[in-house]
C-alpha atoms as a PDB file:
ATOM      1  CA  MET A   1      21.058 -40.108  21.015  1.00  0.00           C
ATOM      2  CA  LYS A   2      22.169 -38.879  17.581  1.00  0.00           C
ATOM      3  CA  LYS A   3      19.534 -41.029  15.867  1.00  0.00           C
ATOM      4  CA  ALA A   4      16.831 -39.664  18.200  1.00  0.00           C
ATOM      5  CA  ALA A   5      17.893 -36.084  17.451  1.00  0.00           C
ATOM      6  CA  ILE A   6      17.692 -36.750  13.713  1.00  0.00           C
ATOM      7  CA  LEU A   7      14.223 -38.267  14.013  1.00  0.00           C
ATOM      8  CA  ILE A   8      12.960 -35.337  16.105  1.00  0.00           C
ATOM      9  CA  GLY A   9      14.433 -32.855  13.636  1.00  0.00           C
ATOM     10  CA  VAL A  10      12.683 -34.658  10.792  1.00  0.00           C
ATOM     11  CA  SER A  11       9.331 -34.514  12.605  1.00  0.00           C
ATOM     12  CA  ILE A  12       9.670 -30.757  13.206  1.00  0.00           C
ATOM     13  CA  SER A  13      10.641 -30.178   9.581  1.00  0.00           C
ATOM     14  CA  ALA A  14       7.703 -32.251   8.367  1.00  0.00           C
ATOM     15  CA  ALA A  15       5.294 -30.231  10.492  1.00  0.00           C
ATOM     16  CA  LEU A  16       6.722 -26.924   9.236  1.00  0.00           C
ATOM     17  CA  ILE A  17       6.577 -28.103   5.622  1.00  0.00           C
ATOM     18  CA  SER A  18       2.953 -29.142   6.144  1.00  0.00           C
ATOM     19  CA  LEU A  19       2.072 -25.665   7.443  1.00  0.00           C
ATOM     20  CA  GLN A  20       3.901 -23.906   4.609  1.00  0.00           C
ATOM     21  CA  ALA A  21       2.264 -26.080   1.952  1.00  0.00           C
ATOM     22  CA  ALA A  22      -1.199 -25.428   3.369  1.00  0.00           C
ATOM     23  CA  ASN A  23      -0.723 -21.645   3.302  1.00  0.00           C
ATOM     24  CA  ALA A  24       1.299 -21.204   0.096  1.00  0.00           C
ATOM     25  CA  ALA A  25      -0.187 -18.554  -2.206  1.00  0.00           C
ATOM     26  CA  ILE A  26      -3.867 -19.247  -1.553  1.00  0.00           C
ATOM     27  CA  VAL A  27      -4.846 -15.699  -2.589  1.00  0.00           C
ATOM     28  CA  SER A  28      -3.045 -14.319  -5.633  1.00  0.00           C
ATOM     29  CA  ASN A  29      -1.990 -10.653  -5.374  1.00  0.00           C
ATOM     30  CA  GLY A  30      -3.982 -10.103  -2.196  1.00  0.00           C
ATOM     31  CA  ASP A  31      -1.939  -6.978  -1.405  1.00  0.00           C
ATOM     32  CA  PHE A  32      -2.382  -5.536  -4.933  1.00  0.00           C
ATOM     33  CA  GLU A  33       1.359  -4.911  -5.213  1.00  0.00           C
ATOM     34  CA  GLY A  34       1.733  -7.380  -8.095  1.00  0.00           C
ATOM     35  CA  GLY A  35       0.715  -5.121 -10.963  1.00  0.00           C
ATOM     36  CA  GLY A  36      -2.852  -3.836 -10.799  1.00  0.00           C
ATOM     37  CA  PHE A  37      -5.483  -6.558 -10.648  1.00  0.00           C
ATOM     38  CA  SER A  38      -3.262  -9.422 -11.789  1.00  0.00           C
ATOM     39  CA  GLY A  39      -4.742 -12.654 -10.424  1.00  0.00           C
ATOM     40  CA  TRP A  40      -8.232 -11.102 -10.162  1.00  0.00           C
ATOM     41  CA  ASN A  41     -11.209 -10.906 -12.500  1.00  0.00           C
ATOM     42  CA  VAL A  42     -12.845  -7.463 -12.616  1.00  0.00           C
ATOM     43  CA  VAL A  43     -16.616  -7.315 -13.226  1.00  0.00           C
ATOM     44  CA  VAL A  44     -18.275  -3.933 -13.865  1.00  0.00           C
ATOM     45  CA  GLY A  45     -22.058  -3.655 -13.617  1.00  0.00           C
ATOM     46  CA  SER A  46     -24.030  -3.638 -16.873  1.00  0.00           C
ATOM     47  CA  ASN A  47     -26.384  -0.887 -15.647  1.00  0.00           C
ATOM     48  CA  THR A  48     -23.694   1.748 -15.989  1.00  0.00           C
ATOM     49  CA  PRO A  49     -24.620   5.387 -15.308  1.00  0.00           C
ATOM     50  CA  SER A  50     -22.428   8.191 -16.613  1.00  0.00           C
ATOM     51  CA  THR A  51     -20.836   8.525 -13.178  1.00  0.00           C
ATOM     52  CA  ASN A  52     -19.780   4.858 -12.965  1.00  0.00           C
ATOM     53  CA  THR A  53     -16.085   4.206 -12.413  1.00  0.00           C
ATOM     54  CA  ALA A  54     -14.451   0.792 -12.672  1.00  0.00           C
ATOM     55  CA  PRO A  55     -12.426  -0.652  -9.775  1.00  0.00           C
ATOM     56  CA  VAL A  56      -8.796   0.470  -9.964  1.00  0.00           C
ATOM     57  CA  VAL A  57      -5.578   0.017  -7.996  1.00  0.00           C
ATOM     58  CA  ILE A  58      -4.488   3.354  -6.504  1.00  0.00           C
ATOM     59  CA  ALA A  59      -1.272   4.525  -4.868  1.00  0.00           C
ATOM     60  CA  TYR A  60      -1.239   5.543  -1.189  1.00  0.00           C
ATOM     61  CA  ASN A  61      -0.101   8.811   0.377  1.00  0.00           C
ATOM     62  CA  GLN A  62      -0.748  10.995  -2.669  1.00  0.00           C
ATOM     63  CA  ALA A  63      -3.659  13.197  -3.700  1.00  0.00           C
ATOM     64  CA  SER A  64      -4.090  12.516  -7.402  1.00  0.00           C
ATOM     65  CA  GLY A  65      -7.449  12.106  -9.095  1.00  0.00           C
ATOM     66  CA  TYR A  66      -9.116   8.956 -10.372  1.00  0.00           C
ATOM     67  CA  PRO A  67      -7.891   6.473 -11.660  1.00  0.00           C
ATOM     68  CA  THR A  68      -4.520   6.729  -9.835  1.00  0.00           C
ATOM     69  CA  GLY A  69      -5.955   8.150  -6.617  1.00  0.00           C
ATOM     70  CA  ALA A  70      -9.131   8.608  -4.580  1.00  0.00           C
ATOM     71  CA  PHE A  71     -10.472  11.697  -6.344  1.00  0.00           C
ATOM     72  CA  GLY A  72      -7.893  14.011  -4.808  1.00  0.00           C
ATOM     73  CA  GLU A  73      -7.847  12.557  -1.271  1.00  0.00           C
ATOM     74  CA  SER A  74      -4.636  11.042   0.071  1.00  0.00           C
ATOM     75  CA  VAL A  75      -5.257   7.531   1.437  1.00  0.00           C
ATOM     76  CA  PRO A  76      -2.752   6.402   4.094  1.00  0.00           C
ATOM     77  CA  SER A  77      -1.061   3.028   3.795  1.00  0.00           C
ATOM     78  CA  PRO A  78      -2.209   0.435   6.357  1.00  0.00           C
ATOM     79  CA  ASP A  79       1.262  -1.068   6.738  1.00  0.00           C
ATOM     80  CA  GLY A  80       3.821   0.814   4.644  1.00  0.00           C
ATOM     81  CA  SER A  81       2.771  -0.867   1.398  1.00  0.00           C
ATOM     82  CA  GLY A  82       2.147   1.194  -1.718  1.00  0.00           C
ATOM     83  CA  HIS A  83      -1.189   0.213  -3.299  1.00  0.00           C
ATOM     84  CA  GLY A  84      -4.778  -0.842  -2.651  1.00  0.00           C
ATOM     85  CA  ALA A  85      -7.941  -1.644  -4.631  1.00  0.00           C
ATOM     86  CA  TYR A  86     -10.340   1.296  -4.919  1.00  0.00           C
ATOM     87  CA  PHE A  87     -14.119   1.000  -5.482  1.00  0.00           C
ATOM     88  CA  SER A  88     -16.085   4.159  -6.262  1.00  0.00           C
ATOM     89  CA  ALA A  89     -18.971   3.339  -8.602  1.00  0.00           C
ATOM     90  CA  ASP A  90     -22.215   5.299  -8.182  1.00  0.00           C
ATOM     91  CA  GLY A  91     -25.603   3.672  -8.602  1.00  0.00           C
ATOM     92  CA  THR A  92     -24.363   0.274  -9.757  1.00  0.00           C
ATOM     93  CA  GLY A  93     -22.738  -2.962  -8.599  1.00  0.00           C
ATOM     94  CA  GLN A  94     -19.304  -4.337  -9.446  1.00  0.00           C
ATOM     95  CA  ASN A  95     -16.890  -6.913  -8.055  1.00  0.00           C
ATOM     96  CA  ILE A  96     -13.450  -8.442  -8.215  1.00  0.00           C
ATOM     97  CA  ASN A  97     -13.077 -12.187  -7.848  1.00  0.00           C
ATOM     98  CA  GLN A  98     -10.658 -15.080  -8.161  1.00  0.00           C
ATOM     99  CA  THR A  99     -10.774 -18.847  -7.786  1.00  0.00           C
ATOM    100  CA  VAL A 100      -8.866 -20.133  -4.764  1.00  0.00           C
ATOM    101  CA  SER A 101      -7.779 -23.715  -4.171  1.00  0.00           C
ATOM    102  CA  LEU A 102      -8.648 -24.941  -0.691  1.00  0.00           C
ATOM    103  CA  ALA A 103      -8.279 -28.346   0.919  1.00  0.00           C
ATOM    104  CA  ALA A 104     -11.450 -30.297   1.624  1.00  0.00           C
ATOM    105  CA  ASN A 105     -12.777 -30.265   5.200  1.00  0.00           C
ATOM    106  CA  GLN A 106     -10.071 -27.831   6.321  1.00  0.00           C
ATOM    107  CA  GLN A 107     -10.434 -24.844   8.646  1.00  0.00           C
ATOM    108  CA  TYR A 108      -9.176 -21.501   7.311  1.00  0.00           C
ATOM    109  CA  THR A 109      -8.824 -17.941   8.580  1.00  0.00           C
ATOM    110  CA  PHE A 110      -9.896 -15.248   6.120  1.00  0.00           C
ATOM    111  CA  SER A 111      -8.768 -11.646   6.617  1.00  0.00           C
ATOM    112  CA  TYR A 112      -8.809  -8.304   4.810  1.00  0.00           C
ATOM    113  CA  GLN A 113      -8.554  -4.560   5.513  1.00  0.00           C
ATOM    114  CA  VAL A 114     -10.831  -1.755   4.308  1.00  0.00           C
ATOM    115  CA  TYR A 115     -10.796   2.034   4.416  1.00  0.00           C
ATOM    116  CA  ALA A 116     -13.420   4.641   3.500  1.00  0.00           C
ATOM    117  CA  PRO A 117     -12.082   7.987   2.196  1.00  0.00           C
ATOM    118  CA  GLN A 118     -13.679  11.039   3.788  1.00  0.00           C
ATOM    119  CA  ASN A 119     -14.762  12.509   0.446  1.00  0.00           C
ATOM    120  CA  GLY A 120     -16.883   9.397  -0.167  1.00  0.00           C
ATOM    121  CA  LEU A 121     -18.336   9.480   3.333  1.00  0.00           C
ATOM    122  CA  ASN A 122     -19.450  13.047   2.641  1.00  0.00           C
ATOM    123  CA  ASN A 123     -21.489  11.951  -0.392  1.00  0.00           C
ATOM    124  CA  PRO A 124     -25.297  11.817  -0.058  1.00  0.00           C
ATOM    125  CA  PHE A 125     -25.627   8.076  -0.770  1.00  0.00           C
ATOM    126  CA  ASP A 126     -24.322   5.024   1.053  1.00  0.00           C
ATOM    127  CA  ALA A 127     -22.659   1.911  -0.396  1.00  0.00           C
ATOM    128  CA  ASN A 128     -22.496  -1.805   0.384  1.00  0.00           C
ATOM    129  CA  PHE A 129     -19.292  -3.834   0.404  1.00  0.00           C
ATOM    130  CA  GLN A 130     -19.420  -7.615   0.770  1.00  0.00           C
ATOM    131  CA  ALA A 131     -16.909 -10.460   0.947  1.00  0.00           C
ATOM    132  CA  SER A 132     -17.995 -13.976   0.037  1.00  0.00           C
ATOM    133  CA  ILE A 133     -16.756 -17.435  -0.903  1.00  0.00           C
ATOM    134  CA  ASP A 134     -19.022 -19.332  -3.304  1.00  0.00           C
ATOM    135  CA  GLY A 135     -21.806 -16.887  -2.482  1.00  0.00           C
ATOM    136  CA  PHE A 136     -21.554 -17.399   1.282  1.00  0.00           C
ATOM    137  CA  LEU A 137     -21.237 -13.996   2.955  1.00  0.00           C
ATOM    138  CA  LEU A 138     -18.313 -13.773   5.338  1.00  0.00           C
ATOM    139  CA  PRO A 139     -18.502 -11.899   8.656  1.00  0.00           C
ATOM    140  CA  GLY A 140     -17.361  -8.311   8.269  1.00  0.00           C
ATOM    141  CA  SER A 141     -19.358  -7.697   5.086  1.00  0.00           C
ATOM    142  CA  LEU A 142     -20.507  -4.091   5.251  1.00  0.00           C
ATOM    143  CA  GLY A 143     -24.184  -3.324   4.991  1.00  0.00           C
ATOM    144  CA  SER A 144     -23.422   0.381   5.348  1.00  0.00           C
ATOM    145  CA  VAL A 145     -20.036   1.844   4.474  1.00  0.00           C
ATOM    146  CA  GLN A 146     -21.010   5.255   5.866  1.00  0.00           C
ATOM    147  CA  SER A 147     -21.895   3.732   9.253  1.00  0.00           C
ATOM    148  CA  ASP A 148     -19.339   0.924   9.575  1.00  0.00           C
ATOM    149  CA  LEU A 149     -16.256   2.823   8.349  1.00  0.00           C
ATOM    150  CA  ASN A 150     -16.916   6.285   9.765  1.00  0.00           C
ATOM    151  CA  PRO A 151     -14.705   8.050  10.855  1.00  0.00           C
ATOM    152  CA  PRO A 152     -12.016   7.090   8.307  1.00  0.00           C
ATOM    153  CA  GLY A 153      -9.400   4.592   9.417  1.00  0.00           C
ATOM    154  CA  TRP A 154      -8.213   1.168   8.358  1.00  0.00           C
ATOM    155  CA  VAL A 155     -10.408  -1.628   9.745  1.00  0.00           C
ATOM    156  CA  THR A 156      -9.398  -5.289   9.752  1.00  0.00           C
ATOM    157  CA  TYR A 157     -12.039  -7.978   9.351  1.00  0.00           C
ATOM    158  CA  SER A 158     -11.279 -11.621  10.062  1.00  0.00           C
ATOM    159  CA  ALA A 159     -13.333 -14.803  10.126  1.00  0.00           C
ATOM    160  CA  THR A 160     -12.768 -18.540  10.406  1.00  0.00           C
ATOM    161  CA  PHE A 161     -14.581 -20.992   8.156  1.00  0.00           C
ATOM    162  CA  THR A 162     -14.422 -24.693   7.331  1.00  0.00           C
ATOM    163  CA  THR A 163     -14.579 -26.027   3.789  1.00  0.00           C
ATOM    164  CA  GLY A 164     -16.763 -28.905   2.692  1.00  0.00           C
ATOM    165  CA  ALA A 165     -15.917 -31.662   0.261  1.00  0.00           C
ATOM    166  CA  ALA A 166     -15.230 -29.292  -2.664  1.00  0.00           C
ATOM    167  CA  PRO A 167     -11.688 -27.873  -2.389  1.00  0.00           C
ATOM    168  CA  VAL A 168     -12.135 -24.990  -4.866  1.00  0.00           C
ATOM    169  CA  GLY A 169     -14.026 -21.767  -4.163  1.00  0.00           C
ATOM    170  CA  LEU A 170     -14.780 -18.401  -5.756  1.00  0.00           C
ATOM    171  CA  LEU A 171     -13.574 -15.523  -3.584  1.00  0.00           C
ATOM    172  CA  THR A 172     -15.523 -12.343  -4.367  1.00  0.00           C
ATOM    173  CA  PHE A 173     -15.509  -8.738  -3.139  1.00  0.00           C
ATOM    174  CA  SER A 174     -18.667  -6.945  -4.231  1.00  0.00           C
ATOM    175  CA  PHE A 175     -19.269  -3.194  -4.110  1.00  0.00           C
ATOM    176  CA  THR A 176     -22.575  -1.424  -4.754  1.00  0.00           C
ATOM    177  CA  GLY A 177     -22.967   2.345  -4.781  1.00  0.00           C
ATOM    178  CA  LEU A 178     -26.556   3.111  -3.780  1.00  0.00           C
ATOM    179  CA  GLY A 179     -26.926   6.378  -5.660  1.00  0.00           C
ATOM    180  CA  VAL A 180     -25.121   9.327  -7.237  1.00  0.00           C
ATOM    181  CA  ALA A 181     -22.803  10.114  -5.553  1.00  0.00           C
ATOM    182  CA  ALA A 182     -22.030   7.253  -3.143  1.00  0.00           C
ATOM    183  CA  ALA A 183     -19.429   6.276  -0.557  1.00  0.00           C
ATOM    184  CA  ASP A 184     -16.119   4.720  -1.650  1.00  0.00           C
ATOM    185  CA  VAL A 185     -13.986   1.853  -0.305  1.00  0.00           C
ATOM    186  CA  VAL A 186     -10.304   0.883  -0.460  1.00  0.00           C
ATOM    187  CA  LEU A 187      -9.406  -2.813   0.009  1.00  0.00           C
ATOM    188  CA  ASP A 188      -6.028  -4.306   0.930  1.00  0.00           C
ATOM    189  CA  ASN A 189      -4.197  -7.291   2.450  1.00  0.00           C
ATOM    190  CA  VAL A 190      -6.582 -10.089   1.512  1.00  0.00           C
ATOM    191  CA  THR A 191      -5.348 -13.371   2.999  1.00  0.00           C
ATOM    192  CA  ILE A 192      -6.583 -16.919   3.521  1.00  0.00           C
ATOM    193  CA  ALA A 193      -4.495 -19.098   5.825  1.00  0.00           C
ATOM    194  CA  ALA A 194      -5.042 -22.691   6.893  1.00  0.00           C
ATOM    195  CA  VAL A 195      -5.553 -23.231  10.623  1.00  0.00           C
ATOM    196  CA  PRO A 196      -3.039 -25.892  11.731  1.00  0.00           C
ATOM    197  CA  GLU A 197      -4.633 -29.178  12.695  1.00  0.00           C
ATOM    198  CA  ALA A 198      -4.176 -30.488  16.222  1.00  0.00           C
ATOM    199  CA  SER A 199      -1.935 -33.302  14.964  1.00  0.00           C
ATOM    200  CA  THR A 200       0.437 -30.792  13.335  1.00  0.00           C
ATOM    201  CA  TRP A 201       0.733 -28.733  16.513  1.00  0.00           C
ATOM    202  CA  ALA A 202       1.229 -31.902  18.552  1.00  0.00           C
ATOM    203  CA  MET A 203       4.038 -33.036  16.259  1.00  0.00           C
ATOM    204  CA  MET A 204       5.809 -29.687  16.580  1.00  0.00           C
ATOM    205  CA  ILE A 205       5.378 -29.477  20.372  1.00  0.00           C
ATOM    206  CA  LEU A 206       6.640 -33.021  20.886  1.00  0.00           C
ATOM    207  CA  GLY A 207       9.555 -32.302  18.557  1.00  0.00           C
ATOM    208  CA  PHE A 208      10.610 -29.170  20.424  1.00  0.00           C
ATOM    209  CA  PHE A 209      10.163 -30.951  23.765  1.00  0.00           C
ATOM    210  CA  GLY A 210      12.308 -33.799  22.522  1.00  0.00           C
ATOM    211  CA  MET A 211      15.082 -31.470  21.338  1.00  0.00           C
ATOM    212  CA  GLY A 212      15.028 -29.735  24.716  1.00  0.00           C
ATOM    213  CA  PHE A 213      15.255 -33.075  26.524  1.00  0.00           C
ATOM    214  CA  ILE A 214      18.233 -34.158  24.400  1.00  0.00           C
ATOM    215  CA  ALA A 215      20.001 -30.861  25.091  1.00  0.00           C
ATOM    216  CA  TYR A 216      19.375 -31.346  28.818  1.00  0.00           C
ATOM    217  CA  ARG A 217      20.754 -34.915  28.708  1.00  0.00           C
ATOM    218  CA  ARG A 218      23.902 -33.731  26.934  1.00  0.00           C
ATOM    219  CA  LYS A 219      24.424 -30.938  29.466  1.00  0.00           C
ATOM    220  CA  SER A 220      23.919 -33.366  32.361  1.00  0.00           C
ATOM    221  CA  ALA A 221      26.370 -35.838  30.841  1.00  0.00           C
ATOM    222  CA  ARG A 222      29.081 -33.173  30.480  1.00  0.00           C
ATOM    223  CA  ALA A 223      28.517 -32.004  34.049  1.00  0.00           C
ATOM    224  CA  PHE A 224      28.870 -35.596  35.290  1.00  0.00           C
ATOM    225  CA  ARG A 225      32.136 -36.205  33.387  1.00  0.00           C
ATOM    226  CA  PHE A 226      33.793 -33.044  34.712  1.00  0.00           C
ATOM    227  CA  ALA A 227      32.544 -33.391  38.288  1.00  0.00           C
END
């Protein structure tokens, strides 16, 4: 009985370790709380008009101007955190990107949150905001910020994808302001998490079932001895 309990405990631990290893730090600084754009590459468009502004990390719940805030509008936090990535360029394209290490032929869930400040929605020109991995557009990419994020409020986008043979990919968020002045976007909580394989879930379920069965056997044995 003791040996069986040890073996079941080992199987549960192995399954948990497998899940943790698959999900450990896939996206670096996806909540932008780690010191500006650390972990990200920032690319500003070469066709830069005088009104172009580079992506910055702003603080929530305060009404300062650019580059520490959204041009005087207070942006609420989506979850009590303190910072998000702010895109506000007019008439040009820019992006932030980072290389992520993914397992080959593995299913992943990709998620992020976006918010459009009202002052940007009031501008005469729209903007595009797109999420991609190795150039493949992910569901939730915004063809129209003024349509998809109006009225203001945090929106969560999530999609599931499966990798091919190459385990490394370029994660990119691209923003394009379509004129002067254009809509703005705040990005936060970027995550990529591995979807557990059926074998991992089966190992955990069997392990928990086994532990429950052992507990039941012990309880039954005690009841029999004291009867």
